[in-house]
Amino acid sequence: MAISISKSYYWKGFRDGMPFILVATPFGTLFGVFASEAGLNIGQIMAFSAAVFAGAAQFTALQLFQENAPTVIVLASALAVNLRVAMYSASLTPYLGAAPLWQRACAAYLIVDNSYAVSIVRFEKEPSMTLRQRMAYFFGSVTPVTPTWLLASYFGAILGAQISDGWALDFALPITFLALIGPMMRTLPHVVAALVAILVSLPAVAVPYNLGILIAGMAGMVAGAQAELMLARRTT
């Protein structure tokens, strides 16, 4: 009986995660195309997508690869972009922290924006869910996206290999970043963080090894956090 209930929660998570295929498909394809344009072969592209499994971090690393940044800067920048996942993990710990180690390890790998968003809403909405049901729902929510991202990356890699250099697709990568950032501008702290990062990044271009990206990112995060604290004080 308990297993059948857990299965029902898995399929609930699966259904809630299905709409995110519409996002994963084009961005996974774009990553495959851009990575191919940057000189990566299909095996490297697939290993990249499977190992990192984080769209924004992958695009960041790819951009820095194209600029011949040192490997340590590429890794640090990708990690900085993905710091939000650490906050997602902390937020999910009260709900999933008692699970066996192997389940927590798998969940940690599979935490992405969509799996966190739908899961935390469900867990808060149904506090009576058991640990087994929560894990089933979480894994169900990310099941549609995981193979979609990998297949889309593969398709993009194949497609990118057929595109002529004369198409000059380099401009599309920064445009993709703009498309990723735009929908995130939902609150004043988000806008403050973006503006401060932009302002700091302009003079920081002179910093060697592309460290200006990390400096601007840290400045933006600090500014956004301070703006959020100021708003919280005003509402209390």
Protein backbone atom coordinates (compact mmCIF):
# COMPACT_ATOMS: atom_id res chain seq x y z
CA MET A 1 0.00 0.00 0.00
CA ALA A 2 2.79 2.41 0.97
CA ILE A 3 4.63 1.63 -2.27
CA SER A 4 1.55 2.37 -4.39
CA ILE A 5 1.03 5.69 -2.59
CA SER A 6 4.68 6.60 -3.21
CA LYS A 7 4.25 5.71 -6.89
CA SER A 8 1.26 8.04 -7.08
CA TYR A 9 3.40 10.86 -5.71
CA TYR A 10 6.12 10.03 -8.21
CA TRP A 11 3.63 10.48 -11.06
CA LYS A 12 2.29 13.66 -9.48
CA GLY A 13 5.83 15.02 -9.54
CA PHE A 14 6.27 13.76 -13.10
CA ARG A 15 3.15 15.61 -14.26
CA ASP A 16 4.21 18.80 -12.46
CA GLY A 17 7.65 18.60 -14.06
CA MET A 18 6.40 18.03 -17.61
CA PRO A 19 5.91 21.73 -18.55
CA PHE A 20 9.60 22.39 -17.95
CA ILE A 21 10.41 20.30 -21.02
CA LEU A 22 9.42 23.39 -22.99
CA VAL A 23 12.32 25.24 -21.36
CA ALA A 24 14.89 22.44 -21.26
CA THR A 25 14.55 21.54 -24.94
CA PRO A 26 15.54 24.87 -26.55
CA PHE A 27 18.24 25.71 -24.00
CA GLY A 28 19.75 22.24 -24.15
CA THR A 29 19.81 22.46 -27.93
CA LEU A 30 21.43 25.90 -27.79
CA PHE A 31 24.09 24.62 -25.44
CA GLY A 32 24.90 21.76 -27.80
CA VAL A 33 25.15 24.12 -30.76
CA PHE A 34 27.33 26.68 -28.96
CA ALA A 35 29.57 24.00 -27.45
CA SER A 36 30.09 22.51 -30.91
CA GLU A 37 30.88 25.98 -32.28
CA ALA A 38 33.41 26.40 -29.45
CA GLY A 39 35.27 23.31 -30.63
CA LEU A 40 34.00 20.60 -28.26
CA ASN A 41 33.25 17.20 -29.78
CA ILE A 42 30.05 15.26 -29.14
CA GLY A 43 31.58 13.11 -26.39
CA GLN A 44 32.87 16.18 -24.54
CA ILE A 45 29.53 17.96 -24.89
CA MET A 46 27.59 15.01 -23.51
CA ALA A 47 30.04 14.53 -20.63
CA PHE A 48 29.76 18.26 -19.89
CA SER A 49 25.96 18.16 -19.75
CA ALA A 50 25.85 14.94 -17.74
CA ALA A 51 28.50 15.98 -15.20
CA VAL A 52 27.38 19.56 -14.61
CA PHE A 53 23.63 19.33 -15.34
CA ALA A 54 23.14 23.05 -14.79
CA GLY A 55 22.26 25.24 -17.76
CA ALA A 56 23.43 28.65 -16.52
CA ALA A 57 26.71 27.26 -15.18
CA GLN A 58 27.34 25.42 -18.44
CA PHE A 59 26.77 28.56 -20.52
CA THR A 60 29.04 30.54 -18.19
CA ALA A 61 31.84 27.99 -18.44
CA LEU A 62 31.44 27.81 -22.21
CA GLN A 63 31.70 31.59 -22.56
CA LEU A 64 34.92 31.60 -20.52
CA PHE A 65 36.32 28.67 -22.50
CA GLN A 66 35.85 30.72 -25.65
CA GLU A 67 37.76 33.58 -24.02
CA ASN A 68 40.64 31.23 -23.09
CA ALA A 69 40.22 31.88 -19.37
CA PRO A 70 42.29 29.73 -16.97
CA THR A 71 40.57 26.54 -15.83
CA VAL A 72 40.42 27.66 -12.20
CA ILE A 73 38.55 30.82 -13.25
CA VAL A 74 36.13 28.79 -15.35
CA LEU A 75 35.38 26.49 -12.41
CA ALA A 76 35.08 29.33 -9.90
CA SER A 77 32.75 31.32 -12.15
CA ALA A 78 30.51 28.33 -12.86
CA LEU A 79 30.38 27.60 -9.12
CA ALA A 80 29.46 31.20 -8.35
CA VAL A 81 26.62 31.11 -10.88
CA ASN A 82 25.30 27.94 -9.27
CA LEU A 83 25.48 29.11 -5.65
CA ARG A 84 21.70 29.36 -5.62
CA VAL A 85 21.59 25.55 -5.68
CA ALA A 86 23.21 25.54 -2.24
CA MET A 87 20.30 27.67 -1.00
CA TYR A 88 17.85 25.28 -2.66
CA SER A 89 19.55 22.39 -0.86
CA ALA A 90 19.35 24.12 2.51
CA SER A 91 15.67 24.84 1.93
CA LEU A 92 14.92 21.18 1.09
CA THR A 93 16.92 19.73 3.99
CA PRO A 94 14.03 19.85 6.53
CA TYR A 95 11.95 17.76 4.11
CA LEU A 96 14.53 15.36 2.62
CA GLY A 97 17.43 15.46 5.10
CA ALA A 98 16.47 12.23 6.86
CA ALA A 99 16.63 10.15 3.66
CA PRO A 100 19.40 7.54 3.17
CA LEU A 101 22.73 8.90 1.98
CA TRP A 102 22.43 7.49 -1.55
CA GLN A 103 19.03 9.13 -2.02
CA ARG A 104 20.33 12.47 -0.75
CA ALA A 105 23.32 12.21 -3.08
CA CYS A 106 21.06 11.56 -6.07
CA ALA A 107 18.74 14.39 -5.03
CA ALA A 108 21.69 16.77 -4.67
CA TYR A 109 22.79 15.99 -8.23
CA LEU A 110 19.26 16.49 -9.56
CA ILE A 111 18.45 19.78 -7.82
CA VAL A 112 17.68 22.28 -10.56
CA ASP A 113 15.36 25.27 -10.67
CA ASN A 114 12.29 23.35 -11.71
CA SER A 115 12.69 20.35 -9.36
CA TYR A 116 13.18 22.71 -6.44
CA ALA A 117 10.33 25.04 -7.38
CA VAL A 118 7.62 22.40 -7.73
CA SER A 119 8.88 20.29 -4.82
CA ILE A 120 9.07 23.04 -2.21
CA VAL A 121 5.58 24.22 -3.13
CA ARG A 122 4.20 20.68 -2.80
CA PHE A 123 6.01 20.00 0.49
CA GLU A 124 4.73 23.22 2.06
CA LYS A 125 1.24 22.62 0.72
CA GLU A 126 1.11 19.04 2.05
CA PRO A 127 3.08 18.91 5.32
CA SER A 128 1.62 15.47 6.10
CA MET A 129 3.62 13.81 3.28
CA THR A 130 5.94 11.06 4.45
CA LEU A 131 9.67 11.07 3.65
CA ARG A 132 9.14 8.30 1.09
CA GLN A 133 6.41 10.32 -0.63
CA ARG A 134 8.55 13.46 -0.69
CA MET A 135 11.47 11.65 -2.28
CA ALA A 136 9.14 10.01 -4.80
CA TYR A 137 7.64 13.37 -5.72
CA PHE A 138 11.06 15.04 -6.01
CA PHE A 139 12.47 12.35 -8.31
CA GLY A 140 9.27 12.39 -10.34
CA SER A 141 9.49 16.16 -10.84
CA VAL A 142 12.96 15.98 -12.38
CA THR A 143 12.42 12.81 -14.46
CA PRO A 144 11.01 14.61 -17.54
CA VAL A 145 13.80 17.20 -17.60
CA THR A 146 16.89 15.01 -17.12
CA PRO A 147 16.71 12.95 -20.35
CA THR A 148 15.30 15.95 -22.22
CA TRP A 149 18.35 18.07 -21.34
CA LEU A 150 20.77 15.34 -22.39
CA LEU A 151 18.94 14.52 -25.63
CA ALA A 152 18.62 18.21 -26.50
CA SER A 153 22.35 18.72 -25.87
CA TYR A 154 23.09 15.78 -28.19
CA PHE A 155 20.78 17.13 -30.89
CA GLY A 156 22.38 20.56 -30.58
CA ALA A 157 25.84 19.04 -30.85
CA ILE A 158 24.87 17.20 -34.04
CA LEU A 159 23.23 20.33 -35.41
CA GLY A 160 26.16 22.55 -34.48
CA ALA A 161 28.59 20.29 -36.33
CA GLN A 162 26.63 20.91 -39.53
CA ILE A 163 26.56 24.71 -39.20
CA SER A 164 29.04 26.63 -41.32
CA ASP A 165 31.51 29.00 -39.62
CA GLY A 166 30.11 31.70 -41.87
CA TRP A 167 26.94 31.78 -39.78
CA ALA A 168 28.90 33.54 -36.98
CA LEU A 169 26.77 32.38 -34.08
CA ASP A 170 29.08 33.88 -31.43
CA PHE A 171 26.64 36.73 -30.85
CA ALA A 172 23.90 34.32 -29.81
CA LEU A 173 25.54 33.29 -26.53
CA PRO A 174 25.29 36.70 -24.80
CA ILE A 175 21.74 37.02 -26.14
CA THR A 176 20.94 33.67 -24.53
CA PHE A 177 22.25 35.00 -21.22
CA LEU A 178 19.95 37.99 -21.51
CA ALA A 179 17.05 35.62 -22.09
CA LEU A 180 18.03 33.67 -18.96
CA ILE A 181 18.37 36.76 -16.79
CA GLY A 182 15.29 38.68 -17.96
CA PRO A 183 12.62 36.50 -16.31
CA MET A 184 14.54 36.62 -13.01
CA MET A 185 13.96 40.36 -12.57
CA ARG A 186 10.90 39.83 -10.37
CA THR A 187 11.72 41.94 -7.30
CA LEU A 188 13.61 45.11 -6.40
CA PRO A 189 16.58 43.18 -4.87
CA HIS A 190 16.90 41.24 -8.13
CA VAL A 191 17.03 44.48 -10.12
CA VAL A 192 19.52 46.05 -7.68
CA ALA A 193 21.77 42.99 -7.90
CA ALA A 194 21.71 43.07 -11.70
CA LEU A 195 22.38 46.81 -11.95
CA VAL A 196 25.27 46.73 -9.47
CA ALA A 197 26.81 43.73 -11.24
CA ILE A 198 26.57 45.55 -14.57
CA LEU A 199 28.10 48.75 -13.21
CA VAL A 200 30.97 46.92 -11.53
CA SER A 201 31.62 44.71 -14.55
CA LEU A 202 32.38 47.68 -16.82
CA PRO A 203 35.59 48.84 -15.09
CA ALA A 204 36.32 45.25 -14.01
CA VAL A 205 36.92 44.31 -17.66
CA ALA A 206 40.52 45.43 -17.10
CA VAL A 207 41.07 42.78 -14.42
CA PRO A 208 43.18 39.92 -15.86
CA TYR A 209 42.03 36.32 -16.33
CA ASN A 210 38.39 37.41 -16.53
CA LEU A 211 38.28 37.79 -12.73
CA GLY A 212 36.08 40.81 -13.32
CA ILE A 213 33.14 38.43 -13.78
CA LEU A 214 33.59 37.04 -10.26
CA ILE A 215 34.09 40.51 -8.78
CA ALA A 216 30.95 41.85 -10.47
CA GLY A 217 28.96 38.77 -9.45
CA MET A 218 29.97 39.08 -5.80
CA ALA A 219 29.20 42.80 -5.81
CA GLY A 220 25.77 42.11 -7.28
CA MET A 221 24.99 39.41 -4.70
CA VAL A 222 26.03 41.65 -1.80
CA ALA A 223 23.97 44.55 -3.14
CA GLY A 224 20.93 42.34 -3.69
CA ALA A 225 21.20 40.90 -0.18
CA GLN A 226 21.47 44.37 1.33
CA ALA A 227 18.45 45.57 -0.64
CA GLU A 228 16.45 42.59 0.60
CA LEU A 229 17.45 43.32 4.21
CA MET A 230 16.44 46.96 3.84
CA LEU A 231 13.04 45.97 2.47
CA ALA A 232 12.56 43.48 5.33
CA ARG A 233 13.31 46.20 7.92
CA ARG A 234 10.78 48.53 6.35
CA THR A 235 8.02 45.93 6.46
CA THR A 236 8.60 45.08 10.13
